[in-house]
Amino acid sequence: MNEDVRRSRLLVSRRRALSLGGTIGLGSLLAACAGTSARSSATSAGSATSSAPMTPSSTAADDIVAALDAVRTCTTSPEQTQGPFWFDVDSIRSDIREQRPGSVLQLALRVQDVSACSSDGRATPIPNCVVEIWHCDAGGLYSGFESGGGGTNSGETSDGSYASGDQEATTTDDGTYLRGAQVADSNGIVQFTTIFPGWYRGRTMHLHLKVHLDRETVLTTQLYVEDELATEVYAAAPYSDRSGRRTLNSDDTFFSEDAILTVSKQGGAYLGLINLGVD
């Protein structure tokens, strides 16, 4: 295991994450960012501070909308399994890294109602929905499940500020890194700062995602990247310290072409874009 990955797993417990101010109440966030974009600032991969929602300049917001207009739209996102490692972290924050080492990945995701697309291929955005993401660290482990193995059904369901009735797994520790949610702005857009996920046996690189509307989960899916990009990222530390052969998209049971992020290099970070279609 890469030494940075090992050390990072020892640093931040759930109690410390809360004391750092990494979460804020959903009600106060909705009041603070009504009609604005929840844009996180780009910070270094070593930062442990979670960014509160910020109001971007109109130019920045317009640029994000234009970038998302340029990628595939009006496509229903595939419904996929939530996997064995989900629990209700109930955490509204844009920077979900908590000092996890890895290549910085910034995400701009737009939620759209694709039930009635216009003739020019545009869909209506869904504002004020909550988009939740979670994924493994560079070493292939999920927070809350560092003992390894698959998560087990806890028999409990979520009852948090944005998710209700979803089956939770039994956690083995109190970690919360690489988990969080954001409220969509008036354009249906959320943004996150995270790291490029690692991989583990049997699965290609992926991120998990849910969309919640009025505390109901209306989409559960996973996001992917092209194999060539994953190969590029995994050639550098801390990913390159992993042994074994990773699974490619073509060999992954759940992989979907309709859930591939459009990724570009932006300075020292990667920017991932996708429109999430809900019908």
Protein backbone atom coordinates (compact mmCIF):
# COMPACT_ATOMS: atom_id res chain seq x y z
CA MET A 1 0.00 0.00 0.00
CA ASN A 2 1.19 3.50 -0.80
CA GLU A 3 2.43 5.16 2.40
CA ASP A 4 0.41 8.34 1.78
CA VAL A 5 -2.74 6.24 1.46
CA ARG A 6 -1.96 4.36 4.68
CA ARG A 7 -1.31 7.54 6.66
CA SER A 8 -4.36 9.33 5.30
CA ARG A 9 -6.66 6.58 6.54
CA LEU A 10 -5.50 7.24 10.10
CA LEU A 11 -6.13 10.97 10.12
CA VAL A 12 -9.79 11.83 9.97
CA SER A 13 -12.53 10.06 11.88
CA ARG A 14 -16.17 10.99 11.64
CA ARG A 15 -15.85 13.01 14.83
CA ARG A 16 -12.97 15.08 13.45
CA ALA A 17 -14.71 15.51 10.11
CA LEU A 18 -17.68 17.03 11.90
CA SER A 19 -15.47 19.25 14.03
CA LEU A 20 -13.83 20.61 10.88
CA GLY A 21 -17.17 21.94 9.76
CA GLY A 22 -17.39 19.56 6.83
CA THR A 23 -21.17 19.39 7.01
CA ILE A 24 -23.92 21.97 7.24
CA GLY A 25 -27.65 21.63 7.63
CA LEU A 26 -29.67 21.12 4.48
CA GLY A 27 -32.19 23.77 5.45
CA SER A 28 -29.58 26.47 5.91
CA LEU A 29 -27.86 25.48 2.68
CA LEU A 30 -31.07 25.72 0.68
CA ALA A 31 -31.66 29.18 2.12
CA ALA A 32 -28.09 30.26 1.42
CA CYS A 33 -27.80 29.05 -2.16
CA ALA A 34 -31.32 29.35 -3.54
CA GLY A 35 -30.95 30.28 -7.18
CA THR A 36 -27.15 30.05 -7.12
CA SER A 37 -24.59 27.44 -8.04
CA ALA A 38 -22.96 25.34 -5.35
CA ARG A 39 -19.47 25.73 -6.73
CA SER A 40 -16.46 24.47 -4.82
CA SER A 41 -13.09 26.17 -5.12
CA ALA A 42 -10.18 24.17 -6.52
CA THR A 43 -7.81 23.34 -3.69
CA SER A 44 -4.76 21.13 -3.39
CA ALA A 45 -5.15 17.38 -3.03
CA GLY A 46 -3.75 17.59 0.48
CA SER A 47 -6.39 19.96 1.85
CA ALA A 48 -8.73 18.64 4.51
CA THR A 49 -11.06 21.62 4.49
CA SER A 50 -14.47 21.13 2.91
CA SER A 51 -15.66 24.07 0.85
CA ALA A 52 -18.99 25.65 1.70
CA PRO A 53 -21.23 26.43 -1.28
CA MET A 54 -20.13 29.56 -3.08
CA THR A 55 -21.91 31.92 -5.42
CA PRO A 56 -19.87 32.01 -8.65
CA SER A 57 -19.65 34.89 -11.05
CA SER A 58 -22.16 34.79 -13.87
CA THR A 59 -19.31 34.09 -16.29
CA ALA A 60 -18.19 31.02 -14.35
CA ALA A 61 -21.76 29.72 -14.10
CA ASP A 62 -22.33 30.33 -17.81
CA ASP A 63 -19.10 28.49 -18.65
CA ILE A 64 -20.24 25.44 -16.71
CA VAL A 65 -23.62 25.43 -18.41
CA ALA A 66 -21.95 25.77 -21.82
CA ALA A 67 -19.58 22.90 -21.04
CA LEU A 68 -22.47 20.64 -20.04
CA ASP A 69 -24.44 21.70 -23.13
CA ALA A 70 -21.53 20.41 -25.22
CA VAL A 71 -21.72 16.84 -23.85
CA ARG A 72 -24.42 14.26 -24.41
CA THR A 73 -27.80 15.37 -23.12
CA CYS A 74 -31.39 14.14 -23.10
CA THR A 75 -30.32 10.57 -22.32
CA THR A 76 -31.84 8.55 -19.48
CA SER A 77 -29.13 7.56 -17.01
CA PRO A 78 -28.97 3.80 -16.41
CA GLU A 79 -30.38 2.56 -13.12
CA GLN A 80 -27.66 0.53 -11.39
CA THR A 81 -27.03 -1.14 -8.06
CA GLN A 82 -25.97 1.03 -5.11
CA GLY A 83 -23.42 -1.66 -4.23
CA PRO A 84 -22.55 -3.05 -0.80
CA PHE A 85 -20.81 0.04 0.62
CA TRP A 86 -23.55 2.65 1.01
CA PHE A 87 -24.68 4.20 4.26
CA ASP A 88 -26.42 7.51 4.89
CA VAL A 89 -23.53 9.88 5.63
CA ASP A 90 -26.02 12.80 5.56
CA SER A 91 -23.28 15.27 4.66
CA ILE A 92 -23.74 18.35 2.48
CA ARG A 93 -20.29 19.40 1.26
CA SER A 94 -18.54 20.02 -2.05
CA ASP A 95 -14.99 18.94 -1.14
CA ILE A 96 -15.20 15.32 -0.01
CA ARG A 97 -11.50 14.40 0.06
CA GLU A 98 -10.61 14.62 3.78
CA GLN A 99 -6.88 14.42 2.93
CA ARG A 100 -7.15 11.32 0.76
CA PRO A 101 -4.15 11.37 -1.61
CA GLY A 102 -4.67 11.07 -5.34
CA SER A 103 -5.14 12.99 -8.57
CA VAL A 104 -7.65 15.81 -8.11
CA LEU A 105 -10.97 15.24 -9.88
CA GLN A 106 -13.48 18.06 -10.11
CA LEU A 107 -16.99 17.10 -11.13
CA ALA A 108 -19.77 19.19 -12.69
CA LEU A 109 -22.98 17.18 -12.90
CA ARG A 110 -26.35 18.37 -14.20
CA VAL A 111 -29.63 16.65 -13.38
CA GLN A 112 -32.28 16.85 -16.10
CA ASP A 113 -35.86 15.70 -16.62
CA VAL A 114 -35.64 13.77 -19.88
CA SER A 115 -39.29 12.77 -20.02
CA ALA A 116 -40.03 15.56 -22.52
CA CYS A 117 -36.91 16.61 -24.42
CA SER A 118 -37.22 19.51 -26.84
CA SER A 119 -36.72 19.18 -30.58
CA ASP A 120 -33.19 20.55 -30.25
CA GLY A 121 -32.26 17.84 -27.75
CA ARG A 122 -32.49 19.90 -24.59
CA ALA A 123 -34.02 18.77 -21.32
CA THR A 124 -35.45 20.65 -18.35
CA PRO A 125 -33.05 20.97 -15.40
CA ILE A 126 -34.16 19.76 -11.96
CA PRO A 127 -33.18 22.37 -9.36
CA ASN A 128 -32.98 21.71 -5.61
CA CYS A 129 -32.55 17.97 -5.98
CA VAL A 130 -29.70 16.46 -3.95
CA VAL A 131 -26.88 14.60 -5.72
CA GLU A 132 -24.88 12.23 -3.53
CA ILE A 133 -21.61 10.56 -4.52
CA TRP A 134 -19.26 8.06 -2.90
CA HIS A 135 -16.30 6.02 -4.09
CA CYS A 136 -13.19 4.16 -2.96
CA ASP A 137 -9.81 5.75 -2.22
CA ALA A 138 -6.62 5.32 -4.26
CA GLY A 139 -5.97 2.02 -2.51
CA GLY A 140 -9.38 0.59 -3.34
CA LEU A 141 -11.10 0.89 0.07
CA TYR A 142 -14.30 2.69 1.02
CA SER A 143 -14.62 4.83 4.13
CA GLY A 144 -16.69 3.01 6.73
CA PHE A 145 -15.43 -0.35 5.45
CA GLU A 146 -11.67 -0.34 5.97
CA SER A 147 -11.64 -3.88 7.34
CA GLY A 148 -12.17 -5.02 3.76
CA GLY A 149 -14.63 -7.49 2.32
CA GLY A 150 -18.14 -6.68 1.19
CA GLY A 151 -20.51 -4.61 3.25
CA THR A 152 -23.37 -6.50 4.90
CA ASN A 153 -27.02 -5.52 5.07
CA SER A 154 -27.66 -3.72 8.36
CA GLY A 155 -31.40 -4.21 8.25
CA GLU A 156 -31.77 -0.45 8.67
CA THR A 157 -32.90 2.18 6.20
CA SER A 158 -31.87 5.80 5.84
CA ASP A 159 -33.78 8.59 7.54
CA GLY A 160 -31.59 11.63 6.95
CA SER A 161 -32.11 15.16 5.71
CA TYR A 162 -32.09 14.19 2.02
CA ALA A 163 -32.45 10.37 1.87
CA SER A 164 -35.22 8.22 3.31
CA GLY A 165 -35.95 4.51 3.03
CA ASP A 166 -32.74 3.33 1.33
CA GLN A 167 -31.14 0.15 2.63
CA GLU A 168 -27.89 0.78 4.54
CA ALA A 169 -24.86 -1.46 4.97
CA THR A 170 -23.28 -2.18 8.36
CA THR A 171 -20.11 -0.10 8.69
CA THR A 172 -16.89 -1.33 10.29
CA ASP A 173 -15.45 2.09 11.22
CA ASP A 174 -16.51 5.72 11.49
CA GLY A 175 -14.80 7.06 8.35
CA THR A 176 -16.65 9.41 5.99
CA TYR A 177 -14.03 10.36 3.41
CA LEU A 178 -14.95 10.44 -0.28
CA ARG A 179 -18.65 10.68 0.54
CA GLY A 180 -20.92 13.70 0.33
CA ALA A 181 -23.82 15.46 -1.35
CA GLN A 182 -24.70 18.78 -2.93
CA VAL A 183 -27.95 20.60 -3.68
CA ALA A 184 -28.52 21.39 -7.36
CA ASP A 185 -28.66 25.05 -8.33
CA SER A 186 -31.27 26.66 -10.58
CA ASN A 187 -29.61 24.98 -13.59
CA GLY A 188 -29.77 21.55 -11.98
CA ILE A 189 -25.98 21.59 -11.51
CA VAL A 190 -23.84 20.37 -8.63
CA GLN A 191 -20.06 20.41 -8.29
CA PHE A 192 -17.64 18.32 -6.25
CA THR A 193 -13.92 18.24 -5.58
CA THR A 194 -12.63 14.73 -4.98
CA ILE A 195 -9.83 12.43 -6.12
CA PHE A 196 -9.72 10.05 -9.04
CA PRO A 197 -11.03 6.76 -7.58
CA GLY A 198 -8.78 3.75 -7.29
CA TRP A 199 -9.83 0.24 -8.21
CA TYR A 200 -10.39 -3.11 -6.59
CA ARG A 201 -10.63 -6.67 -7.83
CA GLY A 202 -13.53 -7.40 -10.15
CA ARG A 203 -14.57 -3.79 -10.81
CA THR A 204 -13.47 -1.16 -13.26
CA MET A 205 -12.91 2.40 -12.01
CA HIS A 206 -16.27 3.84 -10.96
CA LEU A 207 -18.07 6.35 -8.76
CA HIS A 208 -21.43 5.70 -7.12
CA LEU A 209 -24.18 8.29 -7.36
CA LYS A 210 -27.73 8.88 -6.17
CA VAL A 211 -30.19 11.64 -6.96
CA HIS A 212 -32.69 12.47 -4.22
CA LEU A 213 -35.82 14.57 -4.70
CA ASP A 214 -37.98 15.40 -1.68
CA ARG A 215 -36.03 12.72 0.24
CA GLU A 216 -36.95 10.08 -2.34
CA THR A 217 -34.20 8.44 -4.37
CA VAL A 218 -35.08 8.91 -8.05
CA LEU A 219 -31.81 7.64 -9.53
CA THR A 220 -29.12 5.22 -8.38
CA THR A 221 -26.29 4.79 -10.84
CA GLN A 222 -22.52 4.60 -11.32
CA LEU A 223 -20.15 6.77 -13.36
CA TYR A 224 -17.15 5.61 -15.39
CA VAL A 225 -14.24 6.89 -17.49
CA GLU A 226 -12.54 5.60 -20.62
CA ASP A 227 -9.94 2.88 -19.98
CA GLU A 228 -7.19 4.97 -21.57
CA LEU A 229 -7.68 7.73 -19.03
CA ALA A 230 -7.67 5.31 -16.11
CA THR A 231 -4.43 3.80 -17.40
CA GLU A 232 -2.87 7.27 -17.54
CA VAL A 233 -3.91 8.14 -13.99
CA TYR A 234 -2.98 4.78 -12.50
CA ALA A 235 0.55 5.00 -13.90
CA ALA A 236 1.43 7.56 -11.19
CA ALA A 237 1.60 7.33 -7.40
CA PRO A 238 -0.28 6.58 -5.24
CA TYR A 239 -2.19 4.38 -7.69
CA SER A 240 0.91 2.79 -9.22
CA ASP A 241 1.77 1.10 -5.91
CA ARG A 242 -1.17 -1.29 -6.33
CA SER A 243 -0.35 -4.83 -7.38
CA GLY A 244 -2.48 -7.09 -9.52
CA ARG A 245 -4.44 -6.56 -12.70
CA ARG A 246 -7.30 -4.08 -12.75
CA THR A 247 -10.60 -4.82 -14.46
CA LEU A 248 -11.29 -3.00 -17.73
CA ASN A 249 -14.64 -1.55 -18.76
CA SER A 250 -15.27 -4.38 -21.20
CA ASP A 251 -14.90 -6.94 -18.42
CA ASP A 252 -16.99 -5.13 -15.81
CA THR A 253 -20.43 -6.52 -15.03
CA PHE A 254 -22.07 -3.13 -14.49
CA PHE A 255 -20.28 -0.85 -16.96
CA SER A 256 -22.53 1.29 -19.17
CA GLU A 257 -21.57 3.48 -22.11
CA ASP A 258 -24.38 5.83 -21.10
CA ALA A 259 -22.63 6.66 -17.82
CA ILE A 260 -19.16 7.69 -19.04
CA LEU A 261 -17.84 11.01 -17.80
CA THR A 262 -16.45 13.45 -20.35
CA VAL A 263 -13.06 14.25 -18.80
CA SER A 264 -10.47 16.90 -19.63
CA LYS A 265 -7.25 17.97 -17.97
CA GLN A 266 -7.51 21.38 -16.31
CA GLY A 267 -4.09 22.42 -15.04
CA GLY A 268 -3.10 19.92 -12.38
CA ALA A 269 -6.60 18.46 -12.05
CA TYR A 270 -9.12 16.53 -14.09
CA LEU A 271 -12.58 17.90 -14.85
CA GLY A 272 -15.41 15.41 -15.31
CA LEU A 273 -18.76 16.37 -16.88
CA ILE A 274 -22.01 14.49 -17.37
CA ASN A 275 -25.72 15.17 -17.72
CA LEU A 276 -27.81 12.88 -15.53
CA GLY A 277 -31.15 12.06 -17.14
CA VAL A 278 -34.12 11.26 -14.90
CA ASP A 279 -37.52 10.41 -16.38
